[in-house]
């Protein structure tokens, strides 16, 4: 019986101890949210303070740089690390090739236009051409009466063609020689 009484006493002591612990934990339940709120407020204040500190440091660095610039304004020295280098060739379009292409396209366009006009407005020279074109027989032909005037007109047209072609080729030659000379001068200056 004494052993059971001692067990009962020890269990009552343990019960009282557990009851005390429960009371302490109940009091701490209200304490945890309060501590959490205080921690959040402290972190927020720390972030604001840290941001202001960074701003003040930046302003201090700017003030130091301005002061150093004022002090050393007379002693400014520049040091060229790598001198500028001019390219050996032009970076623009290849003008020689462009001039040649433009000349070729111009002559091709002229020949194409002449061919188109001859196809749209054909000139028949013999009666057999008219017969093959229309399948009607040709009974007679009338020749021109002003052959001298027609020859003059044809000669003047040929002369205009030769002059304009020579002018175009001459301009092409001048442009090409100017470009080649420019390349030579450029190569001499920068070599």
Protein backbone atom coordinates (compact mmCIF):
# COMPACT_ATOMS: atom_id res chain seq x y z
CA UNK A 1 0.00 0.00 0.00
CA UNK A 2 2.83 2.36 0.80
CA UNK A 3 4.30 1.64 -2.60
CA UNK A 4 1.03 2.53 -4.30
CA UNK A 5 0.72 5.67 -2.21
CA UNK A 6 4.21 6.70 -3.27
CA UNK A 7 3.28 6.06 -6.91
CA UNK A 8 0.11 8.11 -6.49
CA UNK A 9 2.14 10.94 -4.95
CA UNK A 10 4.70 10.81 -7.75
CA UNK A 11 1.90 10.79 -10.36
CA UNK A 12 0.29 13.83 -8.66
CA UNK A 13 3.63 15.61 -8.74
CA UNK A 14 3.99 14.74 -12.42
CA UNK A 15 0.40 15.90 -13.04
CA UNK A 16 1.11 19.22 -11.34
CA UNK A 17 4.32 19.55 -13.35
CA UNK A 18 2.49 18.89 -16.62
CA UNK A 19 -0.25 21.34 -15.63
CA UNK A 20 2.41 24.01 -15.03
CA UNK A 21 3.97 23.27 -18.41
CA UNK A 22 0.55 23.54 -20.10
CA UNK A 23 -0.07 26.91 -18.45
CA UNK A 24 3.36 28.14 -19.56
CA UNK A 25 2.69 27.00 -23.15
CA UNK A 26 -0.77 28.66 -23.13
CA UNK A 27 0.87 31.94 -22.15
CA UNK A 28 3.48 31.52 -24.91
CA UNK A 29 0.77 31.00 -27.56
CA UNK A 30 -0.15 34.67 -27.28
CA UNK A 31 3.53 35.63 -27.16
CA UNK A 32 4.48 34.04 -30.55
CA UNK A 33 2.32 36.32 -32.78
CA UNK A 34 3.46 39.35 -30.83
CA UNK A 35 7.15 38.39 -31.31
CA UNK A 36 6.48 37.70 -35.00
CA UNK A 37 4.90 41.16 -35.46
CA UNK A 38 7.85 42.80 -33.70
CA UNK A 39 10.30 40.90 -35.93
CA UNK A 40 8.44 42.01 -39.09
CA UNK A 41 8.48 45.64 -37.92
CA UNK A 42 12.19 45.42 -37.12
CA UNK A 43 12.95 43.92 -40.56
CA UNK A 44 10.94 46.66 -42.26
CA UNK A 45 12.77 49.33 -40.30
CA UNK A 46 16.09 47.64 -41.16
CA UNK A 47 15.30 47.67 -44.90
CA UNK A 48 14.39 51.38 -44.79
CA UNK A 49 17.54 52.16 -42.84
CA UNK A 50 19.66 50.08 -45.23
CA UNK A 51 18.19 51.85 -48.29
CA UNK A 52 18.86 55.28 -46.75
CA UNK A 53 22.39 54.19 -45.88
CA UNK A 54 23.03 53.15 -49.52
CA UNK A 55 21.68 56.50 -50.77
CA UNK A 56 23.89 58.41 -48.36
CA UNK A 57 26.94 56.37 -49.44
CA UNK A 58 26.21 57.13 -53.11
CA UNK A 59 25.85 60.85 -52.35
CA UNK A 60 29.11 60.76 -50.40
CA UNK A 61 30.91 59.10 -53.32
CA UNK A 62 29.52 61.73 -55.73
CA UNK A 63 30.65 64.51 -53.41
CA UNK A 64 34.12 62.95 -53.15
CA UNK A 65 34.37 62.67 -56.96
CA UNK A 66 33.22 66.27 -57.40
CA UNK A 67 35.79 67.44 -54.87
CA UNK A 68 38.55 65.45 -56.57
CA UNK A 69 37.51 66.84 -59.97
CA UNK A 70 37.67 70.39 -58.61
CA UNK A 71 41.08 69.80 -57.10
CA UNK A 72 42.58 68.08 -60.15
CA UNK A 73 40.87 70.11 -62.90
CA UNK A 74 44.20 71.64 -63.90
CA UNK A 75 46.04 68.32 -63.88
CA UNK A 76 43.81 66.45 -66.33
CA UNK A 77 45.88 64.22 -68.55
CA UNK A 78 44.69 61.99 -71.32
CA UNK A 79 46.47 58.84 -72.32
CA UNK A 80 45.73 57.25 -75.69
CA UNK A 81 45.73 53.50 -75.25
CA UNK A 82 45.05 52.49 -78.85
CA UNK A 83 45.31 55.11 -81.61
CA UNK A 84 42.48 55.16 -84.15
CA UNK A 85 43.09 53.07 -87.22
CA UNK A 86 41.63 53.96 -90.61
CA UNK A 87 40.48 51.01 -92.69
CA UNK A 88 42.48 50.19 -95.82
CA UNK A 89 39.38 49.78 -97.99
CA UNK A 90 36.13 51.68 -98.13
CA UNK A 91 33.30 50.25 -96.10
CA UNK A 92 30.63 51.51 -98.52
CA UNK A 93 29.25 49.85 -101.62
CA UNK A 94 31.53 48.66 -104.40
CA UNK A 95 31.06 51.57 -106.78
CA UNK A 96 33.08 50.04 -109.62
CA UNK A 97 30.75 47.07 -109.67
CA UNK A 98 27.67 49.28 -109.32
CA UNK A 99 28.74 51.48 -112.27
CA UNK A 100 29.38 48.42 -114.44
CA UNK A 101 26.01 46.88 -113.53
CA UNK A 102 24.22 50.19 -114.22
CA UNK A 103 25.92 50.46 -117.64
CA UNK A 104 25.03 46.88 -118.55
CA UNK A 105 21.42 47.28 -117.37
CA UNK A 106 21.12 50.56 -119.30
CA UNK A 107 22.28 49.03 -122.57
CA UNK A 108 20.13 45.93 -121.98
CA UNK A 109 17.10 48.15 -121.30
CA UNK A 110 17.77 50.11 -124.52
CA UNK A 111 18.07 46.95 -126.59
CA UNK A 112 14.97 45.47 -124.94
CA UNK A 113 12.97 48.64 -125.62
CA UNK A 114 14.09 48.70 -129.27
CA UNK A 115 13.12 45.05 -129.66
CA UNK A 116 9.73 45.68 -128.01
CA UNK A 117 9.02 48.62 -130.33
CA UNK A 118 10.01 46.54 -133.38
CA UNK A 119 7.64 43.80 -132.28
CA UNK A 120 4.74 46.15 -131.56
CA UNK A 121 5.20 48.21 -134.73
CA UNK A 122 6.87 45.94 -137.30
CA UNK A 123 8.41 47.34 -140.48
CA UNK A 124 8.13 45.09 -143.51
CA UNK A 125 10.82 45.41 -146.17
CA UNK A 126 9.70 42.82 -148.77
CA UNK A 127 6.38 41.79 -150.16
CA UNK A 128 7.01 38.16 -149.14
CA UNK A 129 7.05 39.22 -145.48
CA UNK A 130 3.56 40.73 -145.85
CA UNK A 131 2.33 37.61 -147.65
CA UNK A 132 3.64 35.30 -144.88
CA UNK A 133 2.17 37.58 -142.19
CA UNK A 134 -1.33 38.04 -143.65
CA UNK A 135 -1.57 35.11 -146.12
CA UNK A 136 -2.85 37.50 -148.81
CA UNK A 137 -0.98 37.74 -152.09
CA UNK A 138 0.93 40.97 -152.76
CA UNK A 139 0.24 42.26 -156.24
CA UNK A 140 2.62 45.23 -156.27
CA UNK A 141 4.88 47.46 -154.21
CA UNK A 142 5.28 51.23 -154.03
CA UNK A 143 8.75 52.54 -153.28
CA UNK A 144 9.61 55.76 -151.46
CA UNK A 145 10.02 58.84 -153.54
CA UNK A 146 12.23 60.74 -151.04
CA UNK A 147 15.05 58.24 -150.56
CA UNK A 148 17.57 61.02 -149.97
CA UNK A 149 15.52 62.49 -147.13
CA UNK A 150 14.97 59.02 -145.59
CA UNK A 151 18.73 58.37 -145.74
CA UNK A 152 19.39 61.72 -144.03
CA UNK A 153 16.94 60.91 -141.25
CA UNK A 154 18.49 57.46 -140.81
CA UNK A 155 22.02 58.96 -140.74
CA UNK A 156 21.00 61.58 -138.17
CA UNK A 157 19.40 58.88 -135.99
CA UNK A 158 22.54 56.75 -136.28
CA UNK A 159 24.70 59.77 -135.41
CA UNK A 160 22.53 60.54 -132.35
CA UNK A 161 22.78 56.91 -131.28
CA UNK A 162 26.56 56.85 -131.67
CA UNK A 163 26.99 60.18 -129.84
CA UNK A 164 24.76 59.21 -126.93
CA UNK A 165 26.42 55.79 -126.62
CA UNK A 166 29.86 57.43 -126.74
CA UNK A 167 28.78 59.95 -124.10
CA UNK A 168 27.52 57.18 -121.83
CA UNK A 169 30.72 55.15 -122.29
CA UNK A 170 32.82 58.28 -121.73
CA UNK A 171 30.97 59.08 -118.48
CA UNK A 172 31.46 55.46 -117.43
CA UNK A 173 35.19 55.76 -118.11
CA UNK A 174 35.42 59.04 -116.16
CA UNK A 175 33.59 57.57 -113.17
CA UNK A 176 35.71 54.42 -113.20
CA UNK A 177 38.97 56.37 -113.43
CA UNK A 178 37.85 58.72 -110.63
CA UNK A 179 37.10 55.75 -108.39
CA UNK A 180 40.42 54.08 -109.20
CA UNK A 181 42.28 57.34 -108.53
CA UNK A 182 40.42 57.72 -105.25
CA UNK A 183 41.51 54.21 -104.24
CA UNK A 184 45.12 55.03 -105.15
CA UNK A 185 45.09 58.27 -103.13
CA UNK A 186 43.41 56.55 -100.22
CA UNK A 187 45.98 53.74 -100.30
CA UNK A 188 48.89 56.23 -100.37
CA UNK A 189 47.54 58.30 -97.49
CA UNK A 190 46.83 55.41 -95.15
CA UNK A 191 49.74 53.11 -95.95
